[in-house]
Amino acid sequence: MSLASKLKLKNFCWDFDGTLFDTYPEMTISFQEAAARLGLTLTADEVYRQLRQTSVGQTIRHFIGEGPQALLMKQKFHAIEAKNCLQARPFPGIKDFSSYLASQGCQQFLLTHRNQSAWNLLKRAGLKEYFTGGVTAEMGFARKPDPQSINYLSQQFNLQPDLSVMIGDRPLDVLAGQRAGFQGWLFDPDGLIAMGSENWRFTTYNQVLECFLSD
């Protein structure tokens, strides 16, 4: 990524799960527990890989299929995960990078399928102060990769797409950003995501910060 493109960006939209916060350990355990209550034994690795590479909904369909059992699985998972996710923590380096962006006058936005609990976790971690606004599940927008929620933020805060980037850990985050005219950056800490249309791919936030600080 060139220095020119780094200096150009002013608006940073963040996915939450697996991007700002490492919630996958809690999500994986919760999924296993919910599945066990339905009589299904799953390994942590197979659940984690499905969650990382797809979505909760697709992971349920992969292991459970469609119909009443899938709906019951979804309900059990979210009930269990709502408690377990309270233990989640931000990825290393996030606070330093987010603080740096704020010091440079950049705006940051939350864009997540998670509910209001995402804001509560950001506040607890001392990160909420860096965010101008955002979108959570309660607002009812179409799920990514549909760009509806990003378009809303663009209109609400008068964001210029060519000065903006969407950062997430899955292709659907990248695609949502690009469909809104943003750059799409992929955070892939464990190398599980196949090469796609992302404008930039990185594995740690220290790597990103060093890139921004370098000349």
Protein backbone atom coordinates (compact mmCIF):
# COMPACT_ATOMS: atom_id res chain seq x y z
CA MET A 1 0.00 0.00 0.00
CA SER A 2 1.46 3.35 -1.04
CA LEU A 3 2.01 6.31 1.24
CA ALA A 4 -0.36 8.33 -0.94
CA SER A 5 -3.22 5.91 -0.33
CA LYS A 6 -2.53 5.91 3.42
CA LEU A 7 -2.67 9.69 3.68
CA LYS A 8 -5.80 9.86 1.55
CA LEU A 9 -8.05 7.80 3.81
CA LYS A 10 -10.10 9.73 6.36
CA ASN A 11 -12.97 7.38 7.27
CA PHE A 12 -12.51 3.91 8.76
CA CYS A 13 -15.49 1.55 9.14
CA TRP A 14 -14.84 -1.41 11.41
CA ASP A 15 -16.47 -4.81 11.64
CA PHE A 16 -16.60 -5.98 15.27
CA ASP A 17 -16.42 -9.77 15.66
CA GLY A 18 -13.05 -11.11 14.60
CA THR A 19 -11.86 -7.65 13.60
CA LEU A 20 -11.92 -5.30 16.57
CA PHE A 21 -12.52 -8.01 19.18
CA ASP A 22 -11.34 -11.61 19.18
CA THR A 23 -14.76 -13.08 19.91
CA TYR A 24 -14.20 -16.33 18.02
CA PRO A 25 -13.08 -18.34 21.07
CA GLU A 26 -16.32 -17.43 22.85
CA MET A 27 -18.41 -17.96 19.71
CA THR A 28 -16.83 -21.36 19.10
CA ILE A 29 -17.45 -22.58 22.64
CA SER A 30 -21.01 -21.25 22.53
CA PHE A 31 -21.72 -23.01 19.25
CA GLN A 32 -20.35 -26.29 20.57
CA GLU A 33 -22.46 -26.02 23.71
CA ALA A 34 -25.62 -25.19 21.78
CA ALA A 35 -24.99 -28.08 19.41
CA ALA A 36 -24.41 -30.44 22.35
CA ARG A 37 -27.82 -29.52 23.74
CA LEU A 38 -29.25 -30.77 20.45
CA GLY A 39 -27.26 -33.99 20.69
CA LEU A 40 -24.52 -33.02 18.24
CA THR A 41 -20.81 -33.25 19.12
CA LEU A 42 -18.57 -30.88 17.19
CA THR A 43 -14.84 -30.18 17.49
CA ALA A 44 -13.61 -26.67 18.19
CA ASP A 45 -11.53 -26.63 15.01
CA GLU A 46 -14.36 -27.50 12.64
CA VAL A 47 -16.68 -24.96 14.24
CA TYR A 48 -14.05 -22.23 14.27
CA ARG A 49 -13.17 -22.71 10.61
CA GLN A 50 -16.81 -22.51 9.55
CA LEU A 51 -17.45 -19.40 11.63
CA ARG A 52 -14.30 -17.69 10.35
CA GLN A 53 -14.88 -18.47 6.71
CA THR A 54 -18.64 -17.98 6.51
CA SER A 55 -21.13 -16.69 9.11
CA VAL A 56 -23.16 -17.91 12.07
CA GLY A 57 -26.17 -18.52 9.84
CA GLN A 58 -24.17 -20.46 7.28
CA THR A 59 -22.41 -22.43 10.02
CA ILE A 60 -25.79 -23.47 11.44
CA ARG A 61 -26.94 -24.55 7.98
CA HIS A 62 -23.70 -26.46 7.47
CA PHE A 63 -24.04 -28.53 10.64
CA ILE A 64 -27.79 -28.51 11.31
CA GLY A 65 -29.46 -27.82 7.97
CA GLU A 66 -32.73 -25.90 7.63
CA GLY A 67 -36.01 -26.01 9.52
CA PRO A 68 -37.07 -26.03 13.20
CA GLN A 69 -33.80 -27.55 14.46
CA ALA A 70 -31.82 -24.78 12.81
CA LEU A 71 -34.04 -22.13 14.39
CA LEU A 72 -33.68 -23.78 17.79
CA MET A 73 -29.92 -23.95 17.32
CA LYS A 74 -29.81 -20.24 16.49
CA GLN A 75 -31.80 -19.34 19.60
CA LYS A 76 -29.66 -21.50 21.88
CA PHE A 77 -26.42 -20.22 20.38
CA HIS A 78 -27.29 -16.55 20.79
CA ALA A 79 -28.52 -17.06 24.36
CA ILE A 80 -25.29 -18.80 25.37
CA GLU A 81 -23.00 -16.51 23.38
CA ALA A 82 -24.52 -13.34 24.85
CA LYS A 83 -23.02 -14.35 28.21
CA ASN A 84 -19.77 -15.82 26.95
CA CYS A 85 -18.88 -12.82 24.78
CA LEU A 86 -18.50 -10.67 27.89
CA GLN A 87 -15.09 -12.32 28.27
CA ALA A 88 -13.88 -11.23 24.82
CA ARG A 89 -11.02 -8.77 24.44
CA PRO A 90 -9.75 -6.51 21.62
CA PHE A 91 -7.05 -7.81 19.33
CA PRO A 92 -3.51 -6.73 20.24
CA GLY A 93 -2.60 -3.40 18.70
CA ILE A 94 -6.17 -2.24 18.05
CA LYS A 95 -6.12 0.48 20.68
CA ASP A 96 -2.80 1.89 19.47
CA PHE A 97 -3.95 1.99 15.85
CA SER A 98 -7.38 3.41 16.69
CA SER A 99 -5.80 6.07 18.89
CA TYR A 100 -3.37 6.94 16.11
CA LEU A 101 -6.21 7.38 13.60
CA ALA A 102 -8.05 9.65 16.03
CA SER A 103 -4.89 11.73 16.50
CA GLN A 104 -4.75 12.21 12.72
CA GLY A 105 -8.32 13.52 12.59
CA CYS A 106 -9.76 10.38 11.02
CA GLN A 107 -13.33 9.31 11.73
CA GLN A 108 -14.08 5.74 12.83
CA PHE A 109 -17.38 3.89 12.61
CA LEU A 110 -18.72 0.59 13.90
CA LEU A 111 -20.52 -1.64 11.42
CA THR A 112 -21.61 -4.93 12.96
CA HIS A 113 -24.28 -7.62 12.89
CA ARG A 114 -23.95 -7.76 16.68
CA ASN A 115 -26.38 -5.85 18.89
CA GLN A 116 -25.78 -3.00 21.33
CA SER A 117 -23.44 -5.25 23.32
CA ALA A 118 -20.70 -4.31 20.84
CA TRP A 119 -20.79 -0.71 22.07
CA ASN A 120 -20.69 -1.91 25.67
CA LEU A 121 -17.57 -3.98 24.98
CA LEU A 122 -15.90 -1.09 23.17
CA LYS A 123 -16.65 1.20 26.10
CA ARG A 124 -15.23 -1.29 28.61
CA ALA A 125 -12.04 -1.55 26.56
CA GLY A 126 -11.63 2.24 26.33
CA LEU A 127 -12.24 2.26 22.58
CA LYS A 128 -15.71 3.78 22.24
CA GLU A 129 -14.36 7.33 22.53
CA TYR A 130 -12.63 6.94 19.16
CA PHE A 131 -15.88 6.21 17.29
CA THR A 132 -18.08 8.84 15.67
CA GLY A 133 -21.05 6.52 15.14
CA GLY A 134 -22.08 3.17 13.76
CA VAL A 135 -24.63 0.53 12.90
CA THR A 136 -25.71 -2.43 15.07
CA ALA A 137 -28.25 -5.21 14.59
CA GLU A 138 -31.10 -3.29 16.24
CA MET A 139 -31.13 -0.81 13.37
CA GLY A 140 -32.47 -3.45 11.01
CA PHE A 141 -30.29 -2.93 7.96
CA ALA A 142 -29.64 -5.71 5.44
CA ARG A 143 -26.72 -7.91 6.39
CA LYS A 144 -23.33 -7.59 4.73
CA PRO A 145 -22.27 -7.98 1.94
CA ASP A 146 -25.29 -5.79 1.17
CA PRO A 147 -23.90 -2.22 1.40
CA GLN A 148 -27.11 -0.77 2.86
CA SER A 149 -25.64 -0.05 6.30
CA ILE A 150 -22.49 1.51 4.84
CA ASN A 151 -24.56 3.66 2.51
CA TYR A 152 -26.53 4.82 5.55
CA LEU A 153 -23.33 5.88 7.32
CA SER A 154 -22.12 7.61 4.17
CA GLN A 155 -25.31 9.67 3.96
CA GLN A 156 -25.59 10.30 7.69
CA PHE A 157 -22.01 11.53 8.09
CA ASN A 158 -21.36 12.78 4.56
CA LEU A 159 -18.53 10.30 3.94
CA GLN A 160 -16.70 10.43 0.64
CA PRO A 161 -16.30 6.84 -0.62
CA ASP A 162 -12.88 7.51 -2.14
CA LEU A 163 -11.63 8.62 1.29
CA SER A 164 -13.12 5.64 3.12
CA VAL A 165 -12.33 2.02 3.93
CA MET A 166 -14.23 -0.93 5.37
CA ILE A 167 -12.13 -3.27 7.52
CA GLY A 168 -13.25 -6.79 8.34
CA ASP A 169 -12.11 -10.38 8.76
CA ARG A 170 -14.29 -11.98 6.08
CA PRO A 171 -14.93 -11.46 2.36
CA LEU A 172 -18.46 -10.24 3.08
CA ASP A 173 -17.01 -7.21 4.91
CA VAL A 174 -14.70 -6.43 2.01
CA LEU A 175 -17.50 -6.80 -0.53
CA ALA A 176 -19.89 -4.60 1.45
CA GLY A 177 -17.31 -1.84 1.51
CA GLN A 178 -16.44 -2.13 -2.15
CA ARG A 179 -20.09 -2.15 -3.20
CA ALA A 180 -20.43 1.20 -1.41
CA GLY A 181 -17.39 2.54 -3.26
CA PHE A 182 -15.03 2.14 -0.29
CA GLN A 183 -11.75 0.29 -0.14
CA GLY A 184 -12.07 -3.12 1.47
CA TRP A 185 -9.31 -4.33 3.80
CA LEU A 186 -9.13 -7.91 5.04
CA PHE A 187 -7.79 -8.75 8.50
CA ASP A 188 -6.74 -12.41 8.22
CA PRO A 189 -4.65 -13.27 11.30
CA ASP A 190 -4.60 -17.02 10.73
CA GLY A 191 -4.51 -17.20 6.93
CA LEU A 192 -7.86 -19.00 6.60
CA ILE A 193 -9.39 -16.75 3.97
CA ALA A 194 -8.68 -17.39 0.29
CA MET A 195 -7.41 -14.53 -1.84
CA GLY A 196 -10.25 -12.35 -3.08
CA SER A 197 -10.99 -8.79 -4.13
CA GLU A 198 -9.59 -7.08 -1.03
CA ASN A 199 -7.55 -3.91 -1.59
CA TRP A 200 -5.17 -4.87 1.20
CA ARG A 201 -4.68 -7.87 3.47
CA PHE A 202 -2.90 -7.85 6.82
CA THR A 203 -2.36 -10.16 9.78
CA THR A 204 -1.67 -7.89 12.79
CA TYR A 205 -2.51 -4.34 13.80
CA ASN A 206 1.09 -3.64 14.66
CA GLN A 207 1.82 -4.32 10.98
CA VAL A 208 -0.83 -1.76 9.97
CA LEU A 209 0.39 0.89 12.39
CA GLU A 210 4.01 0.45 11.27
CA CYS A 211 2.87 0.87 7.69
CA PHE A 212 1.10 4.12 8.52
CA LEU A 213 4.04 5.43 10.51
CA SER A 214 6.59 4.55 7.85
CA ASP A 215 7.56 7.06 5.21
